[in-house]
Amino acid sequence: MSARAPSTAARRRAPLWQKLLLSLAAIVLDLLLLEAACRVSGAFPPDPITWPGQHENRESRVFVADRELGWRLRPGADFPWPTEGVDYRILAGAEGFRIDDAIPTKAAAPADPSGPRIDFVGDSFTFGTGVRWSETFAEQACARLRAWPVNHGMAGFGLDQMVLTLERVSLRGEDGAPPALVVLTLIADDLQRTLHAYRANAGFAKPSFHLNDEGALLERTPADRPGALLRFLDAHSHFHAATRGLLRRLGRRWPVGEWWQVNAAWLRRAFEGGLRLMVMHAVNNQLLCEINGHDPQFSCEDMATVDASRTSACCPTSSRICERWG
């Protein structure tokens, strides 16, 4: 009895390597289509993470590099800061932070020598970019409380730099005496700055950190820089930026992605170090609203901005802190 001849389907069955190749080609095509869709939408522009050793510090007339914090004002610097056609005077104290320009000394003296000292830590809003010293909210608050304001805000600082300032400058106090109160203020953008090792606007490198397997913050080194492919995607891929944004959103509910986990670790570290008052600036800008008004991600409603900013600052991984501060 003769053996049955193989069927046409069996003879035409593709080998495994061809199937794998076709599957890989389909995946690549899907990724290219997703990349094209993200580029057309314009909603996910690349925001590449900067790494230690990637950029050199720029020369500055008013700022100096600081190994612990990234940068400070040049001690004793006295210069105008132009904002919307007005030059606002900035005077730096011996620590490299802004002081009262009405007092011709190296350190601001308290309005009431018997009053408590309140230390303010934050970014440019705390620093007082675009306002006189007397118009900063640190000075305004302390004038009402009959307290002595110490402004340790710095333009361009991220949350990590604020907590480092809290630990290494504010809580050390003057003459060894800690302040009566430390107020940390931030905006949502300060959380994004945390993972970066270079601040382009300032022109200075800064320390950046990652979490080890035990959840402790460790400073990054040039050896932690990712490979060439990931750096290319980080710098050029809109779809890669979209996936990073998705991880940030998921991280609000579940421990997914390093972005939220690192910021939550900094908030816990500040809380455990004694910080009890945090102020979240909910910033809205009419010009940005008009520019981005067509984009559903943006809202011209002030309260929508307030809610979005608060959500960005408080994630479930730091819910205990947010419940106490919220």
Protein backbone atom coordinates (compact mmCIF):
# COMPACT_ATOMS: atom_id res chain seq x y z
CA MET A 1 0.00 0.00 0.00
CA SER A 2 1.49 3.25 -1.06
CA ALA A 3 2.07 6.11 1.46
CA ARG A 4 -0.34 9.01 1.27
CA ALA A 5 1.13 12.04 -0.51
CA PRO A 6 1.50 15.12 1.72
CA SER A 7 -1.29 17.66 1.43
CA THR A 8 -0.83 21.00 -0.33
CA ALA A 9 -1.22 22.84 3.00
CA ALA A 10 1.48 20.72 4.60
CA ARG A 11 3.84 21.31 1.71
CA ARG A 12 3.24 25.07 1.93
CA ARG A 13 3.52 25.39 5.71
CA ALA A 14 5.96 28.20 6.44
CA PRO A 15 9.02 27.40 8.52
CA LEU A 16 9.25 28.81 12.04
CA TRP A 17 11.85 31.42 11.19
CA GLN A 18 9.57 32.94 8.55
CA LYS A 19 6.71 33.18 11.06
CA LEU A 20 8.96 34.87 13.59
CA LEU A 21 10.23 37.27 10.95
CA LEU A 22 6.69 38.18 9.90
CA SER A 23 5.66 38.70 13.54
CA LEU A 24 8.66 40.96 14.13
CA ALA A 25 7.89 42.95 10.98
CA ALA A 26 4.28 43.39 12.12
CA ILE A 27 5.42 44.64 15.54
CA VAL A 28 7.87 47.12 13.97
CA LEU A 29 5.16 48.36 11.60
CA ASP A 30 2.73 48.85 14.50
CA LEU A 31 5.35 50.80 16.46
CA LEU A 32 6.07 53.01 13.45
CA LEU A 33 2.34 53.69 13.03
CA LEU A 34 2.04 54.58 16.73
CA GLU A 35 5.09 56.86 16.42
CA ALA A 36 3.52 58.57 13.41
CA ALA A 37 0.22 59.03 15.25
CA CYS A 38 1.95 60.58 18.25
CA ARG A 39 3.91 62.94 16.01
CA VAL A 40 0.78 64.03 14.14
CA SER A 41 -1.11 64.67 17.37
CA GLY A 42 1.77 66.77 18.74
CA ALA A 43 0.68 65.86 22.27
CA PHE A 44 3.80 63.98 23.35
CA PRO A 45 6.99 65.89 22.48
CA PRO A 46 10.23 64.21 23.61
CA ASP A 47 11.63 65.43 26.92
CA PRO A 48 14.94 63.58 27.21
CA ILE A 49 16.30 62.88 30.66
CA THR A 50 19.74 64.36 31.29
CA TRP A 51 22.40 62.20 32.92
CA PRO A 52 25.51 62.85 35.03
CA GLY A 53 28.49 63.86 32.93
CA GLN A 54 26.36 64.65 29.88
CA HIS A 55 26.76 68.44 30.01
CA GLU A 56 29.35 70.85 31.34
CA ASN A 57 28.49 73.80 33.58
CA ARG A 58 28.25 77.17 31.86
CA GLU A 59 30.01 80.26 33.10
CA SER A 60 27.72 82.58 35.03
CA ARG A 61 28.14 86.04 36.46
CA VAL A 62 25.62 85.50 39.25
CA PHE A 63 25.50 81.73 39.91
CA VAL A 64 28.19 79.31 41.08
CA ALA A 65 28.25 75.53 40.95
CA ASP A 66 27.55 73.72 44.20
CA ARG A 67 28.37 70.02 44.58
CA GLU A 68 25.62 69.37 47.12
CA LEU A 69 22.75 71.36 45.59
CA GLY A 70 23.70 72.03 41.97
CA TRP A 71 24.08 75.80 42.12
CA ARG A 72 23.68 78.82 44.35
CA LEU A 73 23.91 82.55 43.91
CA ARG A 74 27.42 83.92 43.96
CA PRO A 75 27.85 85.17 47.56
CA GLY A 76 27.59 88.95 47.68
CA ALA A 77 26.25 89.20 44.12
CA ASP A 78 24.14 92.31 43.52
CA PHE A 79 22.45 92.41 40.11
CA PRO A 80 19.21 93.30 38.29
CA TRP A 81 16.85 90.53 37.22
CA PRO A 82 14.83 91.89 34.27
CA THR A 83 11.23 90.69 34.13
CA GLU A 84 8.62 92.13 31.76
CA GLY A 85 10.59 95.31 31.27
CA VAL A 86 11.33 95.89 34.97
CA ASP A 87 14.69 95.32 36.64
CA TYR A 88 14.27 93.71 40.05
CA ARG A 89 17.26 93.87 42.35
CA ILE A 90 18.66 90.58 43.61
CA LEU A 91 21.12 90.60 46.50
CA ALA A 92 22.83 87.38 47.57
CA GLY A 93 23.91 86.61 51.11
CA ALA A 94 26.92 84.66 52.33
CA GLU A 95 25.10 81.32 51.95
CA GLY A 96 24.36 82.00 48.28
CA PHE A 97 20.64 82.68 48.65
CA ARG A 98 18.58 85.83 48.24
CA ILE A 99 18.42 88.30 51.12
CA ASP A 100 16.69 91.59 51.80
CA ASP A 101 18.23 94.17 49.45
CA ALA A 102 17.22 97.00 51.80
CA ILE A 103 19.74 95.80 54.40
CA PRO A 104 23.37 96.49 53.41
CA THR A 105 24.75 93.48 55.30
CA LYS A 106 25.72 89.96 54.37
CA ALA A 107 22.71 88.46 56.15
CA ALA A 108 19.21 89.76 56.57
CA ALA A 109 18.34 90.88 60.08
CA PRO A 110 14.97 89.95 61.58
CA ALA A 111 12.24 92.57 61.54
CA ASP A 112 11.50 91.50 65.11
CA PRO A 113 14.61 90.12 66.84
CA SER A 114 12.43 88.33 69.37
CA GLY A 115 10.26 86.72 66.69
CA PRO A 116 10.66 83.17 65.41
CA ARG A 117 12.69 82.37 62.31
CA ILE A 118 10.77 80.80 59.44
CA ASP A 119 12.73 79.19 56.62
CA PHE A 120 11.22 79.01 53.13
CA VAL A 121 12.53 76.40 50.66
CA GLY A 122 11.42 76.17 47.05
CA ASP A 123 11.95 77.19 43.43
CA SER A 124 11.69 80.52 41.59
CA PHE A 125 8.27 81.28 43.12
CA THR A 126 9.83 81.15 46.57
CA PHE A 127 12.98 82.88 45.35
CA GLY A 128 10.82 85.75 44.11
CA THR A 129 11.61 85.94 40.40
CA GLY A 130 9.91 89.04 39.02
CA VAL A 131 9.15 90.70 42.36
CA ARG A 132 10.94 92.83 44.91
CA TRP A 133 12.12 91.30 48.15
CA SER A 134 9.32 93.04 50.01
CA GLU A 135 6.82 91.43 47.61
CA THR A 136 7.95 87.82 48.08
CA PHE A 137 5.41 85.69 49.90
CA ALA A 138 8.08 84.77 52.46
CA GLU A 139 8.46 88.43 53.45
CA GLN A 140 4.72 89.07 53.25
CA ALA A 141 3.86 86.10 55.47
CA CYS A 142 6.50 86.88 58.07
CA ALA A 143 5.53 90.56 58.23
CA ARG A 144 2.08 89.44 59.35
CA LEU A 145 3.45 86.84 61.75
CA ARG A 146 6.10 89.19 63.16
CA ALA A 147 8.68 86.57 62.26
CA TRP A 148 12.08 86.56 60.60
CA PRO A 149 12.00 85.23 57.02
CA VAL A 150 14.93 83.27 55.62
CA ASN A 151 14.56 82.64 51.91
CA HIS A 152 16.27 79.46 50.71
CA GLY A 153 14.32 79.29 47.47
CA MET A 154 16.36 79.01 44.27
CA ALA A 155 15.32 79.55 40.68
CA GLY A 156 15.19 76.26 38.76
CA PHE A 157 15.32 73.89 41.74
CA GLY A 158 13.54 70.54 41.63
CA LEU A 159 12.01 68.68 44.55
CA ASP A 160 15.23 66.75 45.20
CA GLN A 161 17.25 69.97 45.46
CA MET A 162 14.65 71.46 47.81
CA VAL A 163 14.87 68.52 50.21
CA LEU A 164 18.67 68.62 50.05
CA THR A 165 18.50 72.36 50.87
CA LEU A 166 16.18 71.55 53.75
CA GLU A 167 18.60 68.97 55.14
CA ARG A 168 21.95 70.63 54.44
CA VAL A 169 21.15 74.32 54.82
CA SER A 170 17.84 75.08 56.53
CA LEU A 171 17.91 72.57 59.38
CA ARG A 172 21.52 73.32 60.18
CA GLY A 173 20.31 76.75 61.18
CA GLU A 174 22.29 79.82 61.97
CA ASP A 175 24.68 79.45 64.89
CA GLY A 176 23.46 75.88 65.23
CA ALA A 177 19.89 76.90 66.03
CA PRO A 178 17.24 75.35 63.74
CA PRO A 179 14.36 77.48 62.49
CA ALA A 180 11.01 77.48 64.25
CA LEU A 181 9.33 76.38 61.04
CA VAL A 182 10.38 75.29 57.55
CA VAL A 183 7.94 75.80 54.66
CA LEU A 184 8.58 73.86 51.45
CA THR A 185 6.77 75.19 48.37
CA LEU A 186 6.65 73.62 44.92
CA ILE A 187 4.84 73.43 41.60
CA ALA A 188 4.09 70.30 39.57
CA ASP A 189 7.01 70.98 37.21
CA ASP A 190 9.45 70.62 40.12
CA LEU A 191 8.64 66.90 40.21
CA GLN A 192 9.76 66.50 36.60
CA ARG A 193 13.09 68.19 37.37
CA THR A 194 13.94 65.57 39.98
CA LEU A 195 15.21 62.91 37.57
CA HIS A 196 17.35 65.31 35.57
CA ALA A 197 21.08 65.78 36.14
CA TYR A 198 21.30 69.08 34.26
CA ARG A 199 19.14 72.19 34.26
CA ALA A 200 19.47 73.89 30.87
CA ASN A 201 17.91 77.18 31.97
CA ALA A 202 20.43 77.54 34.77
CA GLY A 203 23.33 76.03 32.83
CA PHE A 204 24.45 73.83 35.73
CA ALA A 205 24.59 70.15 36.51
CA LYS A 206 22.78 68.94 39.59
CA PRO A 207 22.77 65.75 41.63
CA SER A 208 20.17 63.21 40.53
CA PHE A 209 19.11 60.02 42.27
CA HIS A 210 17.53 56.64 41.68
CA LEU A 211 16.11 53.97 43.98
CA ASN A 212 18.03 50.83 44.81
CA ASP A 213 16.41 47.45 45.45
CA GLU A 214 15.75 48.40 49.08
CA GLY A 215 14.01 51.65 48.09
CA ALA A 216 16.85 53.91 49.24
CA LEU A 217 17.87 56.98 47.23
CA LEU A 218 21.31 56.65 45.63
CA GLU A 219 23.04 59.35 43.61
CA ARG A 220 23.42 58.59 39.92
CA THR A 221 26.83 58.44 38.27
CA PRO A 222 27.90 58.57 34.60
CA ALA A 223 27.96 54.75 34.70
CA ASP A 224 24.16 54.76 35.15
CA ARG A 225 23.64 56.38 31.77
CA PRO A 226 21.52 54.08 29.52
CA GLY A 227 22.61 52.61 26.20
CA ALA A 228 22.64 54.38 22.86
CA LEU A 229 19.26 53.00 21.72
CA LEU A 230 17.39 54.18 24.81
CA ARG A 231 19.08 57.58 24.64
CA PHE A 232 18.03 57.89 20.98
CA LEU A 233 14.42 57.01 21.78
CA ASP A 234 14.44 59.38 24.74
CA ALA A 235 15.62 62.25 22.54
CA HIS A 236 13.58 61.63 19.38
CA SER A 237 10.62 59.30 19.90
CA HIS A 238 7.18 60.76 20.60
CA PHE A 239 5.77 57.30 21.30
CA HIS A 240 8.50 56.70 23.90
CA ALA A 241 7.53 60.00 25.55
CA ALA A 242 3.89 58.85 25.55
CA THR A 243 4.77 55.57 27.29
CA ARG A 244 6.73 57.47 29.94
CA GLY A 245 3.71 59.70 30.48
CA LEU A 246 1.52 56.62 30.83
CA LEU A 247 3.85 55.19 33.46
CA ARG A 248 3.61 58.45 35.41
CA ARG A 249 -0.19 58.22 35.34
CA LEU A 250 -0.18 54.57 36.41
CA GLY A 251 2.26 55.44 39.17
CA ARG A 252 -0.41 57.58 40.82
CA ARG A 253 -2.32 54.40 41.70
CA TRP A 254 0.21 51.60 41.60
CA PRO A 255 3.99 51.38 42.22
CA VAL A 256 4.82 51.56 38.51
CA GLY A 257 7.72 53.54 37.08
CA GLU A 258 10.63 55.26 38.75
CA TRP A 259 9.39 58.82 38.19
CA TRP A 260 6.74 58.79 40.90
CA GLN A 261 8.61 56.46 43.20
CA VAL A 262 11.63 58.77 43.36
CA ASN A 263 9.47 61.82 44.09
CA ALA A 264 7.51 59.92 46.73
CA ALA A 265 10.82 58.92 48.35
CA TRP A 266 11.89 62.57 48.51
CA LEU A 267 8.57 63.58 50.09
CA ARG A 268 8.88 60.81 52.69
CA ARG A 269 12.47 61.83 53.39
CA ALA A 270 11.41 65.45 53.94
CA PHE A 271 8.54 64.37 56.21
CA GLU A 272 10.74 62.04 58.24
CA GLY A 273 13.30 64.83 58.53
CA GLY A 274 10.77 67.04 60.31
CA LEU A 275 9.00 68.95 57.53
CA ARG A 276 5.37 69.57 58.48
CA LEU A 277 4.21 72.31 56.12
CA MET A 278 4.25 72.00 52.35
CA VAL A 279 2.67 74.55 50.01
CA MET A 280 1.63 73.52 46.51
CA HIS A 281 1.51 76.39 44.02
CA ALA A 282 -1.28 75.88 41.50
CA VAL A 283 -0.08 78.05 38.63
CA ASN A 284 -2.17 79.06 35.63
CA ASN A 285 -1.02 81.28 32.78
CA GLN A 286 -3.43 83.06 30.47
CA LEU A 287 -0.96 83.18 27.60
CA LEU A 288 -0.28 79.44 27.79
CA CYS A 289 -3.99 78.86 27.99
CA GLU A 290 -4.53 80.79 24.77
CA ILE A 291 -1.69 78.97 23.02
CA ASN A 292 -2.78 75.50 24.13
CA GLY A 293 -6.52 76.14 24.31
CA HIS A 294 -7.20 73.72 21.47
CA ASP A 295 -5.49 70.87 23.30
CA PRO A 296 -7.81 68.81 25.57
CA GLN A 297 -4.88 68.24 27.97
CA PHE A 298 -5.00 71.91 28.96
CA SER A 299 -7.74 73.88 30.62
CA CYS A 300 -8.36 77.59 30.95
CA GLU A 301 -10.31 77.03 34.16
CA ASP A 302 -8.30 78.01 37.22
CA MET A 303 -9.83 75.35 39.47
CA ALA A 304 -9.10 72.64 36.90
CA THR A 305 -5.46 73.71 37.06
CA VAL A 306 -5.57 73.65 40.87
CA ASP A 307 -6.97 70.11 40.88
CA ALA A 308 -4.46 68.90 38.26
CA SER A 309 -1.53 70.41 40.17
CA ARG A 310 -2.60 68.87 43.46
CA THR A 311 -3.08 65.48 41.80
CA SER A 312 0.40 65.74 40.30
CA ALA A 313 1.92 66.41 43.72
CA CYS A 314 0.01 63.80 45.75
CA CYS A 315 0.21 60.20 44.63
CA PRO A 316 -0.88 57.07 46.51
CA THR A 317 2.74 56.03 47.06
CA SER A 318 2.97 59.02 49.41
CA SER A 319 -0.68 58.98 50.51
CA ARG A 320 0.19 59.18 54.19
CA ILE A 321 1.99 62.45 53.58
CA CYS A 322 -0.75 63.78 51.31
CA GLU A 323 -3.43 62.95 53.86
CA ARG A 324 -1.60 64.93 56.51
CA TRP A 325 -0.80 67.83 54.22
CA GLY A 326 -3.87 67.72 51.99
